[in-house]
């Protein structure tokens, strides 16, 4: 190892982990240290659509929906999310919150929003 500050810190961390009997795997500077096997990177979806971490889309659309009353209409912007995934998630949230057929949603690709009308 080189005597850079990063390598000195890495050496100390490895010694500390070994002293307490921990199993570890560290990837640094193209090398792997330790005996713990690393999990493979997550697979990409077969349909090519992005996969968002749990709750990411909900954090975007729920503030628009949570205070809706029957008869209210909101326009939820795509905000960089895949419009198909966002639309499906919004529809599912409306069904879960208010029941089946209690809201109508429509994706507007030109305005880049999803319009939601709460019926009941």
N, C-alpha and C. Protein backbone atom coordinates (compact mmCIF):
# COMPACT_ATOMS: atom_id res chain seq x y z
N UNK A 1 0.83 -1.19 0.00
CA UNK A 1 0.00 0.00 0.00
C UNK A 1 0.87 1.24 0.00
N UNK A 2 0.31 2.29 -0.55
CA UNK A 2 0.99 3.58 -0.51
C UNK A 2 0.80 4.20 0.87
N UNK A 3 1.60 5.21 1.16
CA UNK A 3 1.48 5.86 2.46
C UNK A 3 0.64 7.14 2.36
N UNK A 4 -0.46 7.10 1.65
CA UNK A 4 -1.35 8.25 1.62
C UNK A 4 -2.25 8.19 2.85
N UNK A 5 -2.86 9.28 3.14
CA UNK A 5 -3.75 9.36 4.30
C UNK A 5 -4.88 8.34 4.15
N UNK A 6 -5.41 8.20 2.94
CA UNK A 6 -6.50 7.25 2.71
C UNK A 6 -6.07 5.82 2.98
N UNK A 7 -4.87 5.46 2.55
CA UNK A 7 -4.38 4.10 2.76
C UNK A 7 -4.06 3.84 4.24
N UNK A 8 -3.57 4.84 4.92
CA UNK A 8 -3.31 4.69 6.35
C UNK A 8 -4.63 4.47 7.09
N UNK A 9 -5.66 5.25 6.73
CA UNK A 9 -6.97 5.09 7.36
C UNK A 9 -7.56 3.72 7.04
N UNK A 10 -7.38 3.24 5.82
CA UNK A 10 -7.87 1.93 5.43
C UNK A 10 -7.17 0.84 6.24
N UNK A 11 -5.87 0.94 6.37
CA UNK A 11 -5.11 -0.05 7.14
C UNK A 11 -5.58 -0.09 8.60
N UNK A 12 -5.78 1.08 9.17
CA UNK A 12 -6.26 1.13 10.56
C UNK A 12 -7.66 0.53 10.69
N UNK A 13 -8.52 0.82 9.74
CA UNK A 13 -9.88 0.28 9.79
C UNK A 13 -9.87 -1.24 9.68
N UNK A 14 -9.03 -1.77 8.80
CA UNK A 14 -8.94 -3.23 8.64
C UNK A 14 -8.40 -3.86 9.92
N UNK A 15 -7.37 -3.26 10.52
CA UNK A 15 -6.84 -3.80 11.78
C UNK A 15 -7.89 -3.79 12.88
N UNK A 16 -8.68 -2.72 12.96
CA UNK A 16 -9.73 -2.64 13.98
C UNK A 16 -10.80 -3.70 13.76
N UNK A 17 -11.19 -3.91 12.51
CA UNK A 17 -12.20 -4.92 12.21
C UNK A 17 -11.69 -6.32 12.53
N UNK A 18 -10.44 -6.59 12.20
CA UNK A 18 -9.87 -7.89 12.49
C UNK A 18 -9.69 -8.10 14.00
N UNK A 19 -9.41 -7.04 14.73
CA UNK A 19 -9.22 -7.15 16.18
C UNK A 19 -10.51 -7.55 16.90
N UNK A 20 -11.64 -7.11 16.38
CA UNK A 20 -12.91 -7.47 17.03
C UNK A 20 -13.54 -8.72 16.42
N UNK A 21 -12.87 -9.32 15.44
CA UNK A 21 -13.35 -10.56 14.84
C UNK A 21 -14.50 -10.36 13.87
N UNK A 22 -14.61 -9.20 13.28
CA UNK A 22 -15.71 -8.91 12.36
C UNK A 22 -15.44 -9.51 10.98
N UNK A 23 -16.53 -9.89 10.34
CA UNK A 23 -16.44 -10.29 8.93
C UNK A 23 -16.71 -9.03 8.12
N UNK A 24 -15.93 -8.80 7.09
CA UNK A 24 -16.09 -7.57 6.33
C UNK A 24 -15.66 -7.78 4.89
N UNK A 25 -16.08 -6.87 4.06
CA UNK A 25 -15.62 -6.78 2.68
C UNK A 25 -15.53 -5.30 2.36
N UNK A 26 -14.39 -4.88 1.91
CA UNK A 26 -14.17 -3.48 1.59
C UNK A 26 -13.66 -3.41 0.16
N UNK A 27 -14.28 -2.57 -0.63
CA UNK A 27 -13.78 -2.31 -1.97
C UNK A 27 -13.21 -0.91 -1.98
N UNK A 28 -11.93 -0.82 -2.30
CA UNK A 28 -11.29 0.49 -2.33
C UNK A 28 -10.19 0.46 -3.38
N UNK A 29 -10.17 1.45 -4.19
CA UNK A 29 -9.11 1.65 -5.18
C UNK A 29 -8.92 0.42 -6.07
N UNK A 30 -10.03 -0.20 -6.45
CA UNK A 30 -9.98 -1.35 -7.35
C UNK A 30 -9.63 -2.67 -6.70
N UNK A 31 -9.46 -2.70 -5.40
CA UNK A 31 -9.12 -3.93 -4.69
C UNK A 31 -10.20 -4.25 -3.67
N UNK A 32 -10.33 -5.54 -3.34
CA UNK A 32 -11.28 -5.99 -2.33
C UNK A 32 -10.51 -6.56 -1.15
N UNK A 33 -10.88 -6.12 0.05
CA UNK A 33 -10.24 -6.59 1.28
C UNK A 33 -11.30 -7.30 2.11
N UNK A 34 -10.91 -8.38 2.79
CA UNK A 34 -11.83 -9.10 3.65
C UNK A 34 -12.32 -10.38 3.01
N UNK A 35 -13.06 -11.15 3.81
CA UNK A 35 -13.52 -12.46 3.35
C UNK A 35 -15.02 -12.52 3.11
N UNK A 36 -15.73 -11.48 3.46
CA UNK A 36 -17.18 -11.47 3.27
C UNK A 36 -17.47 -11.31 1.78
N UNK A 37 -18.38 -12.13 1.26
CA UNK A 37 -18.70 -12.03 -0.17
C UNK A 37 -19.67 -10.88 -0.39
N UNK A 38 -19.45 -10.16 -1.45
CA UNK A 38 -20.28 -9.01 -1.78
C UNK A 38 -21.48 -9.45 -2.60
N UNK A 39 -22.61 -8.82 -2.36
CA UNK A 39 -23.82 -9.12 -3.13
C UNK A 39 -23.64 -8.57 -4.54
N UNK A 40 -24.20 -9.26 -5.52
CA UNK A 40 -24.10 -8.75 -6.89
C UNK A 40 -24.91 -7.45 -7.01
N UNK A 41 -24.55 -6.60 -7.96
CA UNK A 41 -25.31 -5.37 -8.14
C UNK A 41 -26.76 -5.70 -8.54
N UNK A 42 -27.72 -4.83 -8.21
CA UNK A 42 -29.11 -5.13 -8.55
C UNK A 42 -29.30 -5.25 -10.06
N UNK A 43 -30.21 -6.16 -10.44
CA UNK A 43 -30.47 -6.37 -11.86
C UNK A 43 -31.28 -5.21 -12.41
N UNK A 44 -31.07 -4.96 -13.69
CA UNK A 44 -31.90 -3.96 -14.35
C UNK A 44 -33.20 -4.62 -14.76
N UNK A 45 -34.24 -3.83 -14.84
CA UNK A 45 -35.54 -4.36 -15.24
C UNK A 45 -35.49 -4.80 -16.70
N UNK A 46 -36.22 -5.85 -17.01
CA UNK A 46 -36.22 -6.39 -18.37
C UNK A 46 -36.93 -5.46 -19.35
N UNK A 47 -37.90 -4.67 -18.86
CA UNK A 47 -38.63 -3.80 -19.77
C UNK A 47 -37.92 -2.47 -20.00
N UNK A 48 -36.77 -2.27 -19.38
CA UNK A 48 -35.98 -1.07 -19.62
C UNK A 48 -36.44 0.15 -18.83
N UNK A 49 -37.51 0.03 -18.06
CA UNK A 49 -37.99 1.17 -17.28
C UNK A 49 -37.15 1.30 -16.01
N UNK A 50 -37.02 2.51 -15.51
CA UNK A 50 -36.23 2.68 -14.29
C UNK A 50 -36.93 2.06 -13.08
N UNK A 51 -36.14 1.65 -12.13
CA UNK A 51 -36.67 1.11 -10.88
C UNK A 51 -36.35 2.12 -9.80
N UNK A 52 -37.39 2.59 -9.11
CA UNK A 52 -37.20 3.58 -8.07
C UNK A 52 -37.21 2.91 -6.71
N UNK A 53 -36.47 3.45 -5.77
CA UNK A 53 -36.47 2.90 -4.42
C UNK A 53 -37.86 3.06 -3.82
N UNK A 54 -38.20 2.14 -2.95
CA UNK A 54 -39.53 2.13 -2.34
C UNK A 54 -39.84 3.49 -1.70
N UNK A 55 -40.99 4.05 -2.05
CA UNK A 55 -41.45 5.30 -1.49
C UNK A 55 -41.01 6.55 -2.22
N UNK A 56 -40.17 6.41 -3.24
CA UNK A 56 -39.67 7.59 -3.95
C UNK A 56 -40.78 8.30 -4.71
N UNK A 57 -41.57 7.55 -5.48
CA UNK A 57 -42.64 8.20 -6.24
C UNK A 57 -43.73 8.69 -5.31
N UNK A 58 -44.03 7.94 -4.25
CA UNK A 58 -45.07 8.35 -3.31
C UNK A 58 -44.72 9.67 -2.64
N UNK A 59 -43.46 9.85 -2.32
CA UNK A 59 -43.03 11.11 -1.71
C UNK A 59 -43.30 12.29 -2.64
N UNK A 60 -43.33 12.02 -3.95
CA UNK A 60 -43.60 13.09 -4.91
C UNK A 60 -45.10 13.36 -5.05
N UNK A 61 -45.91 12.32 -5.25
CA UNK A 61 -47.32 12.56 -5.58
C UNK A 61 -48.23 12.68 -4.36
N UNK A 62 -47.89 12.10 -3.23
CA UNK A 62 -48.82 12.07 -2.10
C UNK A 62 -49.19 13.46 -1.56
N UNK A 63 -48.26 14.42 -1.49
CA UNK A 63 -48.67 15.76 -1.03
C UNK A 63 -49.78 16.38 -1.89
N UNK A 64 -49.87 16.01 -3.15
CA UNK A 64 -50.94 16.51 -4.02
C UNK A 64 -52.27 15.83 -3.70
N UNK A 65 -52.24 14.57 -3.29
CA UNK A 65 -53.46 13.78 -3.11
C UNK A 65 -54.02 13.80 -1.69
N UNK A 66 -53.19 13.97 -0.70
CA UNK A 66 -53.60 13.70 0.68
C UNK A 66 -54.74 14.57 1.18
N UNK A 67 -54.90 15.77 0.67
CA UNK A 67 -55.96 16.65 1.17
C UNK A 67 -57.11 16.81 0.18
N UNK A 68 -57.16 15.96 -0.84
CA UNK A 68 -58.24 16.07 -1.83
C UNK A 68 -59.58 15.69 -1.24
N UNK A 69 -60.60 16.44 -1.63
CA UNK A 69 -61.98 16.16 -1.26
C UNK A 69 -62.74 15.80 -2.53
N UNK A 70 -63.90 15.14 -2.41
CA UNK A 70 -64.69 14.81 -3.62
C UNK A 70 -64.94 16.08 -4.45
N UNK A 71 -64.68 15.96 -5.73
CA UNK A 71 -64.85 17.07 -6.66
C UNK A 71 -63.57 17.83 -6.95
N UNK A 72 -62.52 17.62 -6.17
CA UNK A 72 -61.24 18.30 -6.37
C UNK A 72 -60.50 17.69 -7.55
N UNK A 73 -59.73 18.55 -8.24
CA UNK A 73 -58.88 18.13 -9.35
C UNK A 73 -57.48 18.64 -9.07
N UNK A 74 -56.47 17.78 -9.28
CA UNK A 74 -55.08 18.20 -9.15
C UNK A 74 -54.30 17.75 -10.39
N UNK A 75 -53.24 18.49 -10.66
CA UNK A 75 -52.33 18.15 -11.75
C UNK A 75 -50.97 17.85 -11.11
N UNK A 76 -50.53 16.61 -11.24
CA UNK A 76 -49.27 16.18 -10.63
C UNK A 76 -48.21 16.12 -11.73
N UNK A 77 -47.16 16.92 -11.63
CA UNK A 77 -46.12 16.93 -12.67
C UNK A 77 -45.31 15.63 -12.67
N UNK A 78 -44.79 15.28 -13.86
CA UNK A 78 -43.96 14.08 -13.99
C UNK A 78 -42.70 14.20 -13.16
N UNK A 79 -42.09 15.38 -13.14
CA UNK A 79 -40.90 15.68 -12.33
C UNK A 79 -39.77 14.68 -12.53
N UNK A 80 -39.54 14.27 -13.76
CA UNK A 80 -38.42 13.37 -14.04
C UNK A 80 -38.71 11.90 -13.85
N UNK A 81 -39.87 11.54 -13.33
CA UNK A 81 -40.24 10.14 -13.18
C UNK A 81 -40.78 9.60 -14.50
N UNK A 82 -40.67 8.29 -14.68
CA UNK A 82 -41.27 7.65 -15.84
C UNK A 82 -42.78 7.84 -15.72
N UNK A 83 -43.43 8.45 -16.73
CA UNK A 83 -44.86 8.76 -16.62
C UNK A 83 -45.75 7.52 -16.48
N UNK A 84 -45.37 6.41 -17.08
CA UNK A 84 -46.17 5.19 -16.97
C UNK A 84 -46.13 4.67 -15.53
N UNK A 85 -44.96 4.60 -14.96
CA UNK A 85 -44.83 4.12 -13.58
C UNK A 85 -45.52 5.07 -12.62
N UNK A 86 -45.31 6.37 -12.80
CA UNK A 86 -45.92 7.35 -11.92
C UNK A 86 -47.45 7.27 -11.99
N UNK A 87 -47.98 7.15 -13.18
CA UNK A 87 -49.43 7.05 -13.36
C UNK A 87 -50.00 5.82 -12.68
N UNK A 88 -49.33 4.69 -12.84
CA UNK A 88 -49.79 3.46 -12.19
C UNK A 88 -49.76 3.58 -10.67
N UNK A 89 -48.69 4.18 -10.15
CA UNK A 89 -48.57 4.34 -8.71
C UNK A 89 -49.64 5.28 -8.16
N UNK A 90 -49.95 6.35 -8.89
CA UNK A 90 -50.99 7.29 -8.46
C UNK A 90 -52.35 6.61 -8.46
N UNK A 91 -52.64 5.86 -9.51
CA UNK A 91 -53.92 5.15 -9.58
C UNK A 91 -54.06 4.16 -8.43
N UNK A 92 -53.01 3.43 -8.14
CA UNK A 92 -53.04 2.47 -7.04
C UNK A 92 -53.25 3.18 -5.70
N UNK A 93 -52.58 4.32 -5.51
CA UNK A 93 -52.73 5.07 -4.26
C UNK A 93 -54.16 5.59 -4.10
N UNK A 94 -54.76 6.05 -5.18
CA UNK A 94 -56.14 6.54 -5.12
C UNK A 94 -57.10 5.41 -4.77
N UNK A 95 -56.92 4.25 -5.36
CA UNK A 95 -57.77 3.10 -5.05
C UNK A 95 -57.60 2.67 -3.59
N UNK A 96 -56.39 2.70 -3.12
CA UNK A 96 -56.11 2.30 -1.75
C UNK A 96 -56.70 3.31 -0.75
N UNK A 97 -56.57 4.59 -1.05
CA UNK A 97 -57.00 5.63 -0.12
C UNK A 97 -58.52 5.82 -0.10
N UNK A 98 -59.16 5.78 -1.29
CA UNK A 98 -60.57 6.15 -1.38
C UNK A 98 -61.47 5.02 -1.85
N UNK A 99 -60.90 3.92 -2.35
CA UNK A 99 -61.70 2.80 -2.84
C UNK A 99 -61.72 2.78 -4.37
N UNK A 100 -62.16 1.65 -4.89
CA UNK A 100 -62.21 1.48 -6.35
C UNK A 100 -63.20 2.44 -6.98
N UNK A 101 -62.82 2.98 -8.11
CA UNK A 101 -63.64 3.86 -8.93
C UNK A 101 -64.09 5.12 -8.20
N UNK A 102 -63.26 5.59 -7.28
CA UNK A 102 -63.55 6.83 -6.57
C UNK A 102 -62.70 7.99 -7.08
N UNK A 103 -61.88 7.72 -8.10
CA UNK A 103 -61.04 8.76 -8.71
C UNK A 103 -60.81 8.40 -10.17
N UNK A 104 -60.60 9.44 -10.96
CA UNK A 104 -60.25 9.26 -12.37
C UNK A 104 -58.92 9.96 -12.58
N UNK A 105 -57.98 9.25 -13.22
CA UNK A 105 -56.69 9.86 -13.53
C UNK A 105 -56.43 9.76 -15.02
N UNK A 106 -55.75 10.76 -15.54
CA UNK A 106 -55.45 10.80 -16.96
C UNK A 106 -54.08 11.42 -17.13
N UNK A 107 -53.23 10.73 -17.89
CA UNK A 107 -51.88 11.23 -18.15
C UNK A 107 -51.92 12.20 -19.33
N UNK A 108 -51.36 13.38 -19.17
CA UNK A 108 -51.28 14.38 -20.24
C UNK A 108 -49.81 14.54 -20.60
N UNK A 109 -49.40 13.85 -21.67
CA UNK A 109 -47.99 13.87 -22.06
C UNK A 109 -47.54 15.22 -22.59
N UNK A 110 -48.45 16.00 -23.14
CA UNK A 110 -48.07 17.31 -23.67
C UNK A 110 -47.76 18.27 -22.53
N UNK A 111 -48.64 18.32 -21.53
CA UNK A 111 -48.41 19.20 -20.37
C UNK A 111 -47.46 18.57 -19.35
N UNK A 112 -47.15 17.28 -19.52
CA UNK A 112 -46.27 16.52 -18.64
C UNK A 112 -46.79 16.50 -17.20
N UNK A 113 -48.11 16.21 -17.08
CA UNK A 113 -48.75 16.09 -15.78
C UNK A 113 -49.71 14.90 -15.80
N UNK A 114 -50.11 14.48 -14.60
CA UNK A 114 -51.15 13.48 -14.45
C UNK A 114 -52.29 14.18 -13.72
N UNK A 115 -53.44 14.28 -14.38
CA UNK A 115 -54.60 14.93 -13.79
C UNK A 115 -55.40 13.90 -13.02
N UNK A 116 -55.80 14.25 -11.81
CA UNK A 116 -56.59 13.35 -10.96
C UNK A 116 -57.84 14.09 -10.51
N UNK A 117 -59.00 13.45 -10.72
CA UNK A 117 -60.28 13.96 -10.24
C UNK A 117 -60.79 12.99 -9.20
N UNK A 118 -61.05 13.47 -7.99
CA UNK A 118 -61.62 12.62 -6.96
C UNK A 118 -63.13 12.68 -7.06
N UNK A 119 -63.76 11.52 -7.19
CA UNK A 119 -65.21 11.44 -7.34
C UNK A 119 -65.90 11.29 -5.99
N UNK A 120 -65.43 10.36 -5.21
CA UNK A 120 -66.13 10.11 -3.95
C UNK A 120 -65.20 9.97 -2.80
